[in-house]
Protein backbone atom coordinates (compact mmCIF):
# COMPACT_ATOMS: atom_id res chain seq x y z
CA MET A 1 0.00 0.00 0.00
CA GLU A 2 1.15 3.54 -0.68
CA LYS A 3 0.93 6.32 1.86
CA ALA A 4 -1.92 8.31 0.40
CA LEU A 5 -2.28 10.88 3.18
CA SER A 6 -0.25 12.26 6.06
CA TRP A 7 -2.44 14.79 7.82
CA GLU A 8 -1.35 16.83 10.82
CA ILE A 9 -4.24 18.16 12.90
CA ASP A 10 -3.37 21.15 15.07
CA ASP A 11 -5.44 22.23 18.07
CA PHE A 12 -7.01 18.80 18.11
CA SER A 13 -8.84 19.25 21.42
CA LYS A 14 -10.48 22.60 20.61
CA GLY A 15 -14.02 21.20 20.83
CA LYS A 16 -14.80 20.51 17.18
CA ASN A 17 -17.36 17.77 16.52
CA TRP A 18 -15.52 16.59 13.44
CA ILE A 19 -12.47 17.49 11.37
CA LYS A 20 -12.19 16.83 7.62
CA SER A 21 -8.98 16.52 5.60
CA ASP A 22 -8.41 18.03 2.19
CA ASN A 23 -9.33 15.81 -0.75
CA PHE A 24 -6.49 13.61 -1.99
CA SER A 25 -5.97 11.18 -4.87
CA SER A 26 -4.95 7.53 -4.73
CA GLY A 27 -5.32 4.82 -7.35
CA GLY A 28 -7.04 7.24 -9.70
CA CYS A 29 -9.81 7.91 -7.15
CA GLU A 30 -10.57 10.92 -4.96
CA TRP A 31 -10.82 10.48 -1.18
CA TYR A 32 -10.91 12.39 2.08
CA ALA A 33 -10.54 11.42 5.74
CA LYS A 34 -12.70 12.52 8.63
CA VAL A 35 -12.02 12.40 12.37
CA TYR A 36 -14.57 12.75 15.16
CA PRO A 37 -12.56 13.71 18.28
CA LYS A 38 -15.48 12.88 20.56
CA GLY A 39 -16.93 10.01 18.55
CA SER A 40 -19.55 9.65 15.82
CA CYS A 41 -21.88 7.33 17.77
CA CYS A 42 -20.43 7.40 21.29
CA SER A 43 -18.74 10.05 23.40
CA ASP A 44 -15.86 8.03 24.84
CA HIS A 45 -14.01 7.03 21.64
CA LEU A 46 -12.36 8.82 18.75
CA SER A 47 -13.92 7.88 15.40
CA LEU A 48 -12.03 7.69 12.11
CA PHE A 49 -13.34 7.27 8.54
CA LEU A 50 -12.26 7.26 4.88
CA TYR A 51 -14.76 8.62 2.33
CA VAL A 52 -15.15 8.66 -1.43
CA VAL A 53 -15.41 12.27 -2.63
CA ASN A 54 -18.84 13.33 -3.96
CA PRO A 55 -20.33 9.81 -4.28
CA ASN A 56 -23.72 11.20 -5.38
CA SER A 57 -22.12 12.73 -8.48
CA LEU A 58 -20.76 9.37 -9.67
CA ARG A 59 -22.52 7.20 -12.24
CA PRO A 60 -25.01 4.46 -11.29
CA GLY A 61 -23.35 1.21 -10.26
CA TRP A 62 -19.97 2.78 -9.45
CA LYS A 63 -17.73 0.96 -7.00
CA ARG A 64 -14.18 0.81 -5.73
CA ARG A 65 -12.37 -2.06 -4.06
CA ALA A 66 -9.37 -1.06 -2.03
CA ILE A 67 -7.08 -2.25 0.74
CA CYS A 68 -6.91 0.51 3.35
CA SER A 69 -5.13 1.19 6.61
CA PHE A 70 -5.12 3.95 9.23
CA PHE A 71 -2.43 5.08 11.64
CA LEU A 72 -2.77 7.68 14.40
CA LEU A 73 0.45 9.17 15.75
CA ASN A 74 1.35 11.78 18.33
CA GLN A 75 3.88 14.59 17.92
CA SER A 76 6.77 12.25 18.78
CA GLY A 77 5.76 9.72 16.12
CA GLN A 78 4.43 7.19 18.65
CA ILE A 79 1.69 5.02 17.13
CA LEU A 80 -1.51 5.44 19.12
CA PHE A 81 -3.71 3.41 16.80
CA ARG A 82 -3.19 1.05 13.87
CA SER A 83 -6.20 -0.41 12.07
CA PRO A 84 -6.55 -4.20 12.16
CA GLU A 85 -7.11 -6.49 9.15
CA GLU A 86 -4.83 -4.42 6.93
CA SER A 87 -4.85 -6.97 4.11
CA LYS A 88 -8.63 -7.09 3.74
CA CYS A 89 -10.15 -5.60 0.60
CA ARG A 90 -12.97 -3.10 1.26
CA LEU A 91 -15.91 -2.32 -1.01
CA PHE A 92 -16.91 1.31 -1.55
CA CYS A 93 -20.17 1.86 -3.46
CA ALA A 94 -23.33 3.99 -3.46
CA GLU A 95 -24.68 2.13 -0.42
CA VAL A 96 -21.33 2.13 1.41
CA PRO A 97 -19.32 5.22 0.36
CA SER A 98 -17.15 5.17 3.48
CA TRP A 99 -15.16 2.83 5.70
CA GLY A 100 -13.68 3.28 9.12
CA PHE A 101 -13.88 2.84 12.85
CA PRO A 102 -16.60 4.39 15.04
CA LYS A 103 -14.62 3.21 18.08
CA ALA A 104 -11.06 3.59 16.85
CA LEU A 105 -9.42 4.72 20.08
CA PRO A 106 -10.73 5.22 23.63
CA LEU A 107 -10.27 8.82 24.66
CA THR A 108 -8.61 7.58 27.83
CA LYS A 109 -5.82 6.10 25.67
CA LEU A 110 -5.46 9.24 23.60
CA GLY A 111 -4.02 10.93 26.65
CA PHE A 112 -2.19 14.22 26.57
CA LEU A 113 -1.12 15.21 23.04
CA GLU A 114 2.13 17.12 22.71
CA LYS A 115 1.37 20.57 21.28
CA ASP A 116 -2.22 19.32 20.93
CA LYS A 117 -1.28 17.78 17.59
CA LEU A 118 -2.47 14.48 16.08
CA THR A 119 -1.20 12.96 12.83
CA VAL A 120 -3.46 10.78 10.68
CA GLN A 121 -1.85 8.56 8.06
CA VAL A 122 -3.86 6.72 5.43
CA TYR A 123 -2.49 3.91 3.25
CA ILE A 124 -4.49 2.77 0.23
CA LYS A 125 -4.10 0.23 -2.55
CA VAL A 126 -6.93 0.42 -5.10
CA VAL A 127 -7.52 -2.99 -6.69
CA GLU A 128 -10.69 -2.36 -8.72
CA VAL A 129 -12.48 0.67 -10.14
CA VAL A 130 -15.90 0.44 -11.81
CA HIS A 131 -17.19 3.77 -13.13
CA GLN A 132 -20.65 2.53 -14.11
CA GLY A 133 -22.42 -0.81 -13.85
CA LYS A 134 -25.23 -2.79 -12.28
CA SER A 135 -26.82 -1.77 -8.99
CA THR A 136 -24.57 -2.53 -6.04
CA GLU A 137 -27.29 -2.80 -3.39
CA ASN A 138 -27.04 -6.60 -3.39
CA ASP A 139 -23.26 -6.79 -3.58
CA ILE A 140 -21.97 -8.87 -0.69
CA ILE A 141 -19.75 -7.33 1.96
CA ASP A 142 -17.84 -9.25 4.59
CA PHE A 143 -18.73 -7.90 8.03
CA HIS A 144 -16.70 -9.68 10.71
CA GLY A 145 -16.95 -12.95 8.80
CA PHE A 146 -20.65 -12.68 7.90
CA GLN A 147 -21.78 -12.12 4.31
CA ILE A 148 -24.24 -9.19 4.23
CA SER A 149 -25.69 -7.27 1.29
CA ALA A 150 -24.48 -3.70 0.87
CA CYS A 151 -27.92 -2.20 1.50
CA GLN A 152 -27.97 -3.77 5.00
CA ILE A 153 -24.51 -2.73 6.17
CA PHE A 154 -25.33 0.64 7.72
CA PRO A 155 -28.26 -0.50 9.91
CA VAL A 156 -26.28 -3.56 11.01
CA ALA A 157 -23.15 -1.55 11.74
CA ASN A 158 -25.06 1.13 13.65
CA THR A 159 -26.74 -1.52 15.80
CA VAL A 160 -23.48 -3.30 16.57
CA PHE A 161 -21.37 -0.18 17.11
CA GLN A 162 -23.84 1.30 19.59
CA ASP A 163 -23.64 -1.80 21.74
CA PRO A 164 -21.46 -0.87 24.77
CA HIS A 165 -19.67 -4.24 24.60
CA TYR A 166 -18.47 -3.80 21.02
CA VAL A 167 -14.71 -3.62 20.51
CA ILE A 168 -12.83 -2.80 17.33
CA ASP A 169 -11.27 -6.23 16.78
CA PHE A 170 -14.59 -7.94 17.42
CA LYS A 171 -13.41 -10.04 20.35
CA PRO A 172 -16.13 -9.41 22.93
CA GLU A 173 -15.20 -9.81 26.56
CA ASN A 174 -17.70 -12.57 27.23
CA GLN A 175 -19.28 -15.43 25.33
CA TRP A 176 -22.83 -14.06 25.58
CA VAL A 177 -21.90 -10.83 23.82
CA GLN A 178 -20.18 -12.78 21.05
CA THR A 179 -23.26 -14.98 20.72
CA LYS A 180 -25.49 -11.90 20.39
CA TYR A 181 -23.41 -10.61 17.50
CA MET A 182 -23.43 -14.00 15.80
CA TYR A 183 -27.21 -14.21 16.06
CA LEU A 184 -27.64 -10.66 14.75
CA LEU A 185 -25.30 -11.04 11.78
CA GLY A 186 -26.59 -14.54 11.01
CA LEU A 187 -30.14 -13.20 11.01
CA VAL A 188 -29.26 -10.38 8.63
CA GLU A 189 -27.43 -12.85 6.39
CA THR A 190 -30.56 -15.05 6.26
CA LEU A 191 -32.86 -12.12 5.44
CA SER A 192 -30.52 -10.99 2.66
CA LYS A 193 -31.29 -14.18 0.70
CA PRO A 194 -34.08 -14.32 -1.94
CA PRO A 195 -37.37 -14.98 -0.04
CA GLN A 196 -38.31 -17.92 -2.28
CA SER A 197 -35.09 -19.70 -1.31
CA LEU A 198 -36.02 -19.74 2.38
CA SER A 199 -37.97 -22.48 4.12
CA ALA A 200 -40.76 -22.05 6.66
CA THR A 201 -38.38 -23.35 9.31
CA GLU A 202 -35.77 -20.70 8.48
CA LEU A 203 -38.38 -17.94 8.74
CA SER A 204 -39.62 -19.35 12.04
CA ASN A 205 -36.07 -19.45 13.38
CA ALA A 206 -35.51 -15.89 12.17
CA GLN A 207 -38.54 -14.70 14.13
CA ARG A 208 -37.30 -16.56 17.22
CA ASP A 209 -33.82 -15.04 16.97
CA LEU A 210 -35.19 -11.55 16.36
CA THR A 211 -37.36 -11.78 19.47
CA ALA A 212 -34.40 -12.98 21.55
CA LEU A 213 -32.18 -10.15 20.29
CA LYS A 214 -34.81 -7.50 21.03
CA GLU A 215 -35.21 -8.89 24.53
CA SER A 216 -31.43 -8.66 25.01
CA GLY A 217 -31.54 -4.90 24.37
CA PHE A 218 -30.92 -4.43 20.65
CA LYS A 219 -33.15 -1.86 18.91
CA LEU A 220 -34.16 -3.72 15.77
CA ASP A 221 -37.27 -2.05 14.36
CA TRP A 222 -35.52 -1.86 10.98
CA LEU A 223 -34.85 -5.60 11.03
CA ASN A 224 -38.39 -6.38 12.17
CA SER A 225 -39.66 -4.53 9.09
CA LYS A 226 -37.25 -6.50 6.91
CA LEU A 227 -38.51 -9.80 8.35
CA GLU A 228 -42.13 -8.81 7.70
CA GLU A 229 -41.23 -7.86 4.12
CA VAL A 230 -39.40 -11.15 3.49
CA SER A 231 -42.23 -13.18 5.05
CA LEU A 232 -44.79 -11.46 2.84
CA GLU A 233 -42.71 -12.08 -0.29
CA TRP A 234 -42.25 -15.71 0.75
CA LYS A 235 -46.03 -16.18 1.11
CA LYS A 236 -46.65 -14.58 -2.27
CA ALA A 237 -44.11 -16.87 -3.89
CA ALA A 238 -45.75 -19.89 -2.29
CA HIS A 239 -49.25 -18.91 -3.46
CA SER A 240 -48.11 -18.06 -6.98
CA SER A 241 -46.47 -21.45 -7.52
CA ASP A 242 -48.27 -24.35 -9.20
CA GLY A 243 -50.96 -26.53 -7.63
CA SER A 244 -48.38 -28.62 -5.80
CA SER A 245 -47.78 -25.80 -3.31
CA GLY A 246 -50.62 -26.95 -1.10
CA ILE A 247 -49.25 -30.50 -1.11
CA HIS A 248 -45.77 -29.20 -0.29
CA GLN A 249 -47.10 -27.22 2.69
CA LEU A 250 -49.02 -30.26 3.91
CA GLU A 251 -45.90 -32.42 3.71
CA GLU A 252 -44.02 -29.86 5.76
CA ARG A 253 -46.68 -29.95 8.46
CA VAL A 254 -46.50 -33.74 8.57
CA GLU A 255 -42.71 -33.59 8.94
CA ASN A 256 -43.13 -31.34 11.95
CA VAL A 257 -45.64 -33.77 13.50
CA GLU A 258 -48.33 -31.10 13.59
CA LEU A 259 -51.15 -33.25 12.19
CA SER A 260 -52.83 -36.35 13.40
CA LEU A 261 -53.63 -39.07 10.86
CA SER A 262 -57.26 -37.95 10.66
CA ASP A 263 -56.11 -34.41 10.06
CA VAL A 264 -53.98 -35.65 7.18
CA ILE A 265 -56.99 -37.18 5.43
CA VAL A 266 -59.14 -34.06 5.94
CA GLU A 267 -56.38 -31.79 4.73
CA LEU A 268 -55.73 -34.05 1.76
CA ASP A 269 -59.32 -33.68 0.60
CA LYS A 270 -59.01 -29.89 0.80
CA VAL A 271 -55.77 -29.87 -1.13
CA LYS A 272 -57.13 -32.18 -3.83
CA LEU A 273 -60.11 -29.87 -4.43
CA LYS A 274 -57.84 -26.84 -4.78
CA SER A 275 -55.13 -28.63 -6.76
CA ALA A 276 -56.75 -30.86 -9.35
CA ALA A 277 -53.84 -30.13 -11.66
CA ALA A 278 -51.48 -31.95 -9.35
CA GLN A 279 -52.55 -35.25 -10.99
CA VAL A 280 -51.61 -37.38 -8.01
CA SER A 281 -53.52 -40.58 -7.26
CA SER A 282 -55.40 -40.23 -3.97
CA PHE A 283 -54.53 -43.76 -2.89
CA GLN A 284 -50.86 -43.28 -3.70
CA PHE A 285 -50.79 -39.95 -1.92
CA ILE A 286 -52.57 -41.28 1.20
CA ASP A 287 -50.17 -44.20 1.34
CA PHE A 288 -47.25 -41.79 0.94
CA LEU A 289 -48.45 -39.47 3.69
CA ILE A 290 -49.23 -42.30 6.09
CA LYS A 291 -45.69 -43.64 5.69
CA ARG A 292 -44.23 -40.16 6.13
CA PHE A 293 -46.43 -39.56 9.19
CA PHE A 294 -45.39 -42.72 11.01
CA LEU A 295 -41.77 -42.26 9.98
CA SER A 296 -41.83 -38.71 11.35
CA CYS A 297 -43.43 -39.84 14.60
CA PHE A 298 -40.84 -42.62 15.01
CA SER A 299 -37.97 -40.22 14.34
CA PHE A 300 -39.44 -37.68 16.75
CA SER A 301 -39.82 -40.22 19.58
CA LYS A 302 -36.22 -41.40 19.17
CA SER A 303 -34.90 -37.86 19.49
């Protein structure tokens, strides 16, 4: 990576909410850095970000992939902060025009700055530039090992970063906190998939996990809306499929041991009336369901 910016900030502690660098060029792209001395989402950490210049003026589908690194140094050249995962390639696009650290450095570790001066160094290696292309809202971004679509990154990041237990290298101090993050990111990853590719069980598990996360203190109204949207699309996809959809739903209920044998027969009659095009022999289908029913019950009792 080349040193793209060495920025000396004088009078760092003079009470400014944020401080912006001049624009600079690296890899044929224009950038600027921004520092929040008292934090962007919390008041006890310094925040540090790299931005693409004027992203709204760029063409639809633009994106940049770059390897980036930050250093914070005091007047004596002592390194106060060095960004982790320096070899990881970052995606910049319309949905994610910036990258950085909301909790880069605790203010308690910033300490007394000689001459009230802080130096910000930015290293960048641009590996891909797309000036115009397809929409990037569904491009996948790696967020602490979880694959999340670009349009979901900001709400996820804001939720995680505002959690008081979050740390920059994502190594929470206790197992429960780590489990919370895994559930949250796993849930977002699930809801980023096409609705028709999800099963009823996955949606049920998503609702369970969302409820547990809300009870643990996360504010997830945005994710609740996403789950409702995905569930509605899933139901539409199920109803718009061919006549076998009713049979498929019935099979799923049998697998979950939700029907008694008499219920199976009653439900079968209903499905046959609504799905004449299925062209399945009633005797064959009853025999099939009875076998599945007893097999499910046997498997359930063994577990």
